[in-house]
Amino acid sequence: MSTNVLCPPKIFKSNQIIHCDEAALRRLPIQHPVNLKKDQWVMIYAQRNESQAQQVYETMKMASRQLGIQIEEPHWIWLENEND
């Protein structure tokens, strides 16, 4: 899996460029929140990182409450070794 970090958006208005910083974006409401219901998403982790995977899940649950998103228990998949 590969990821990219995108640059903050810029708004072009009346010959101006308005820069949106991270703090401003955090204050905006989520327009279309996606609820993660039971058996609709997976958490994949290396077996040796089971406690870290659980910590990520718990952190997601706490953050989701503040954002108005429902997160239920994922389908857990553990890999026996990192190369799987």
C-alpha atoms as a PDB file:
ATOM      1  CA  MET A   1       0.000   0.000   0.000  1.00  0.00           C
ATOM      2  CA  SER A   2       1.341   3.417  -0.847  1.00  0.00           C
ATOM      3  CA  THR A   3       0.148   6.775   0.417  1.00  0.00           C
ATOM      4  CA  ASN A   4       0.571  10.425  -0.460  1.00  0.00           C
ATOM      5  CA  VAL A   5       0.272  13.510   1.688  1.00  0.00           C
ATOM      6  CA  LEU A   6      -1.512  16.212  -0.253  1.00  0.00           C
ATOM      7  CA  CYS A   7      -0.718  19.892  -0.013  1.00  0.00           C
ATOM      8  CA  PRO A   8      -3.256  22.074   1.807  1.00  0.00           C
ATOM      9  CA  PRO A   9      -5.951  23.409  -0.523  1.00  0.00           C
ATOM     10  CA  LYS A  10      -5.889  26.910  -1.948  1.00  0.00           C
ATOM     11  CA  ILE A  11      -9.029  28.877  -2.729  1.00  0.00           C
ATOM     12  CA  PHE A  12      -8.907  31.256  -5.676  1.00  0.00           C
ATOM     13  CA  LYS A  13     -11.314  34.169  -5.260  1.00  0.00           C
ATOM     14  CA  SER A  14     -11.379  37.599  -6.915  1.00  0.00           C
ATOM     15  CA  ASN A  15      -7.714  37.598  -7.924  1.00  0.00           C
ATOM     16  CA  GLN A  16      -6.709  36.379  -4.447  1.00  0.00           C
ATOM     17  CA  ILE A  17      -5.305  33.114  -3.229  1.00  0.00           C
ATOM     18  CA  ILE A  18      -6.640  32.067   0.161  1.00  0.00           C
ATOM     19  CA  HIS A  19      -4.445  29.492   1.899  1.00  0.00           C
ATOM     20  CA  CYS A  20      -6.160  27.018   4.213  1.00  0.00           C
ATOM     21  CA  ASP A  21      -3.881  25.983   7.035  1.00  0.00           C
ATOM     22  CA  GLU A  22      -4.304  22.801   9.057  1.00  0.00           C
ATOM     23  CA  ALA A  23      -5.880  24.616  12.012  1.00  0.00           C
ATOM     24  CA  ALA A  24      -8.571  26.163   9.787  1.00  0.00           C
ATOM     25  CA  LEU A  25      -9.324  22.798   8.182  1.00  0.00           C
ATOM     26  CA  ARG A  26      -9.701  21.131  11.598  1.00  0.00           C
ATOM     27  CA  ARG A  27     -12.431  23.627  12.545  1.00  0.00           C
ATOM     28  CA  LEU A  28     -14.566  22.736   9.522  1.00  0.00           C
ATOM     29  CA  PRO A  29     -17.302  20.116   9.944  1.00  0.00           C
ATOM     30  CA  ILE A  30     -17.044  16.834   8.082  1.00  0.00           C
ATOM     31  CA  GLN A  31     -19.418  17.098   5.142  1.00  0.00           C
ATOM     32  CA  HIS A  32     -20.119  13.395   4.568  1.00  0.00           C
ATOM     33  CA  PRO A  33     -18.964  11.254   7.503  1.00  0.00           C
ATOM     34  CA  VAL A  34     -18.608   7.546   6.833  1.00  0.00           C
ATOM     35  CA  ASN A  35     -19.633   5.169   9.603  1.00  0.00           C
ATOM     36  CA  LEU A  36     -17.556   2.017   9.940  1.00  0.00           C
ATOM     37  CA  LYS A  37     -20.053  -0.675  10.869  1.00  0.00           C
ATOM     38  CA  LYS A  38     -19.272  -4.145  12.152  1.00  0.00           C
ATOM     39  CA  ASP A  39     -17.893  -6.445   9.461  1.00  0.00           C
ATOM     40  CA  GLN A  40     -17.626  -3.561   6.958  1.00  0.00           C
ATOM     41  CA  TRP A  41     -13.957  -2.815   7.527  1.00  0.00           C
ATOM     42  CA  VAL A  42     -10.763  -4.631   8.449  1.00  0.00           C
ATOM     43  CA  MET A  43      -7.792  -4.000  10.704  1.00  0.00           C
ATOM     44  CA  ILE A  44      -4.692  -5.791   9.388  1.00  0.00           C
ATOM     45  CA  TYR A  45      -1.652  -6.025  11.626  1.00  0.00           C
ATOM     46  CA  ALA A  46       1.469  -8.090  12.243  1.00  0.00           C
ATOM     47  CA  GLN A  47       0.954 -10.567  15.067  1.00  0.00           C
ATOM     48  CA  ARG A  48       3.763  -9.023  17.107  1.00  0.00           C
ATOM     49  CA  ASN A  49       1.956  -5.637  16.956  1.00  0.00           C
ATOM     50  CA  GLU A  50      -1.400  -6.787  18.323  1.00  0.00           C
ATOM     51  CA  SER A  51      -1.391  -4.313  21.231  1.00  0.00           C
ATOM     52  CA  GLN A  52      -0.518  -1.443  18.883  1.00  0.00           C
ATOM     53  CA  ALA A  53      -3.362  -2.399  16.538  1.00  0.00           C
ATOM     54  CA  GLN A  54      -5.768  -2.402  19.478  1.00  0.00           C
ATOM     55  CA  GLN A  55      -4.440   1.016  20.545  1.00  0.00           C
ATOM     56  CA  VAL A  56      -5.065   2.419  17.034  1.00  0.00           C
ATOM     57  CA  TYR A  57      -8.616   1.065  17.109  1.00  0.00           C
ATOM     58  CA  GLU A  58      -9.295   2.581  20.554  1.00  0.00           C
ATOM     59  CA  THR A  59      -7.877   5.953  19.430  1.00  0.00           C
ATOM     60  CA  MET A  60     -10.083   5.864  16.329  1.00  0.00           C
ATOM     61  CA  LYS A  61     -13.144   5.204  18.497  1.00  0.00           C
ATOM     62  CA  MET A  62     -12.370   8.157  20.774  1.00  0.00           C
ATOM     63  CA  ALA A  63     -11.717  10.537  17.853  1.00  0.00           C
ATOM     64  CA  SER A  64     -14.798   9.346  15.970  1.00  0.00           C
ATOM     65  CA  ARG A  65     -17.118  10.389  18.814  1.00  0.00           C
ATOM     66  CA  GLN A  66     -15.924  13.990  18.513  1.00  0.00           C
ATOM     67  CA  LEU A  67     -16.427  13.876  14.737  1.00  0.00           C
ATOM     68  CA  GLY A  68     -19.897  12.311  14.845  1.00  0.00           C
ATOM     69  CA  ILE A  69     -18.726   9.076  13.200  1.00  0.00           C
ATOM     70  CA  GLN A  70     -19.716   5.611  14.392  1.00  0.00           C
ATOM     71  CA  ILE A  71     -16.980   2.985  14.489  1.00  0.00           C
ATOM     72  CA  GLU A  72     -17.822  -0.586  15.377  1.00  0.00           C
ATOM     73  CA  GLU A  73     -15.523  -3.590  15.821  1.00  0.00           C
ATOM     74  CA  PRO A  74     -13.535  -4.365  12.643  1.00  0.00           C
ATOM     75  CA  HIS A  75     -12.790  -7.731  11.148  1.00  0.00           C
ATOM     76  CA  TRP A  76      -9.305  -8.388  12.593  1.00  0.00           C
ATOM     77  CA  ILE A  77      -6.677  -9.966  10.328  1.00  0.00           C
ATOM     78  CA  TRP A  78      -3.258 -10.715  11.708  1.00  0.00           C
ATOM     79  CA  LEU A  79      -0.233 -11.665   9.687  1.00  0.00           C
ATOM     80  CA  GLU A  80       2.075 -14.331  11.015  1.00  0.00           C
ATOM     81  CA  ASN A  81       5.138 -12.501   9.752  1.00  0.00           C
ATOM     82  CA  GLU A  82       5.747  -9.080   8.246  1.00  0.00           C
ATOM     83  CA  ASN A  83       6.384 -10.393   4.739  1.00  0.00           C
ATOM     84  CA  ASP A  84       2.836 -11.771   4.269  1.00  0.00           C
END
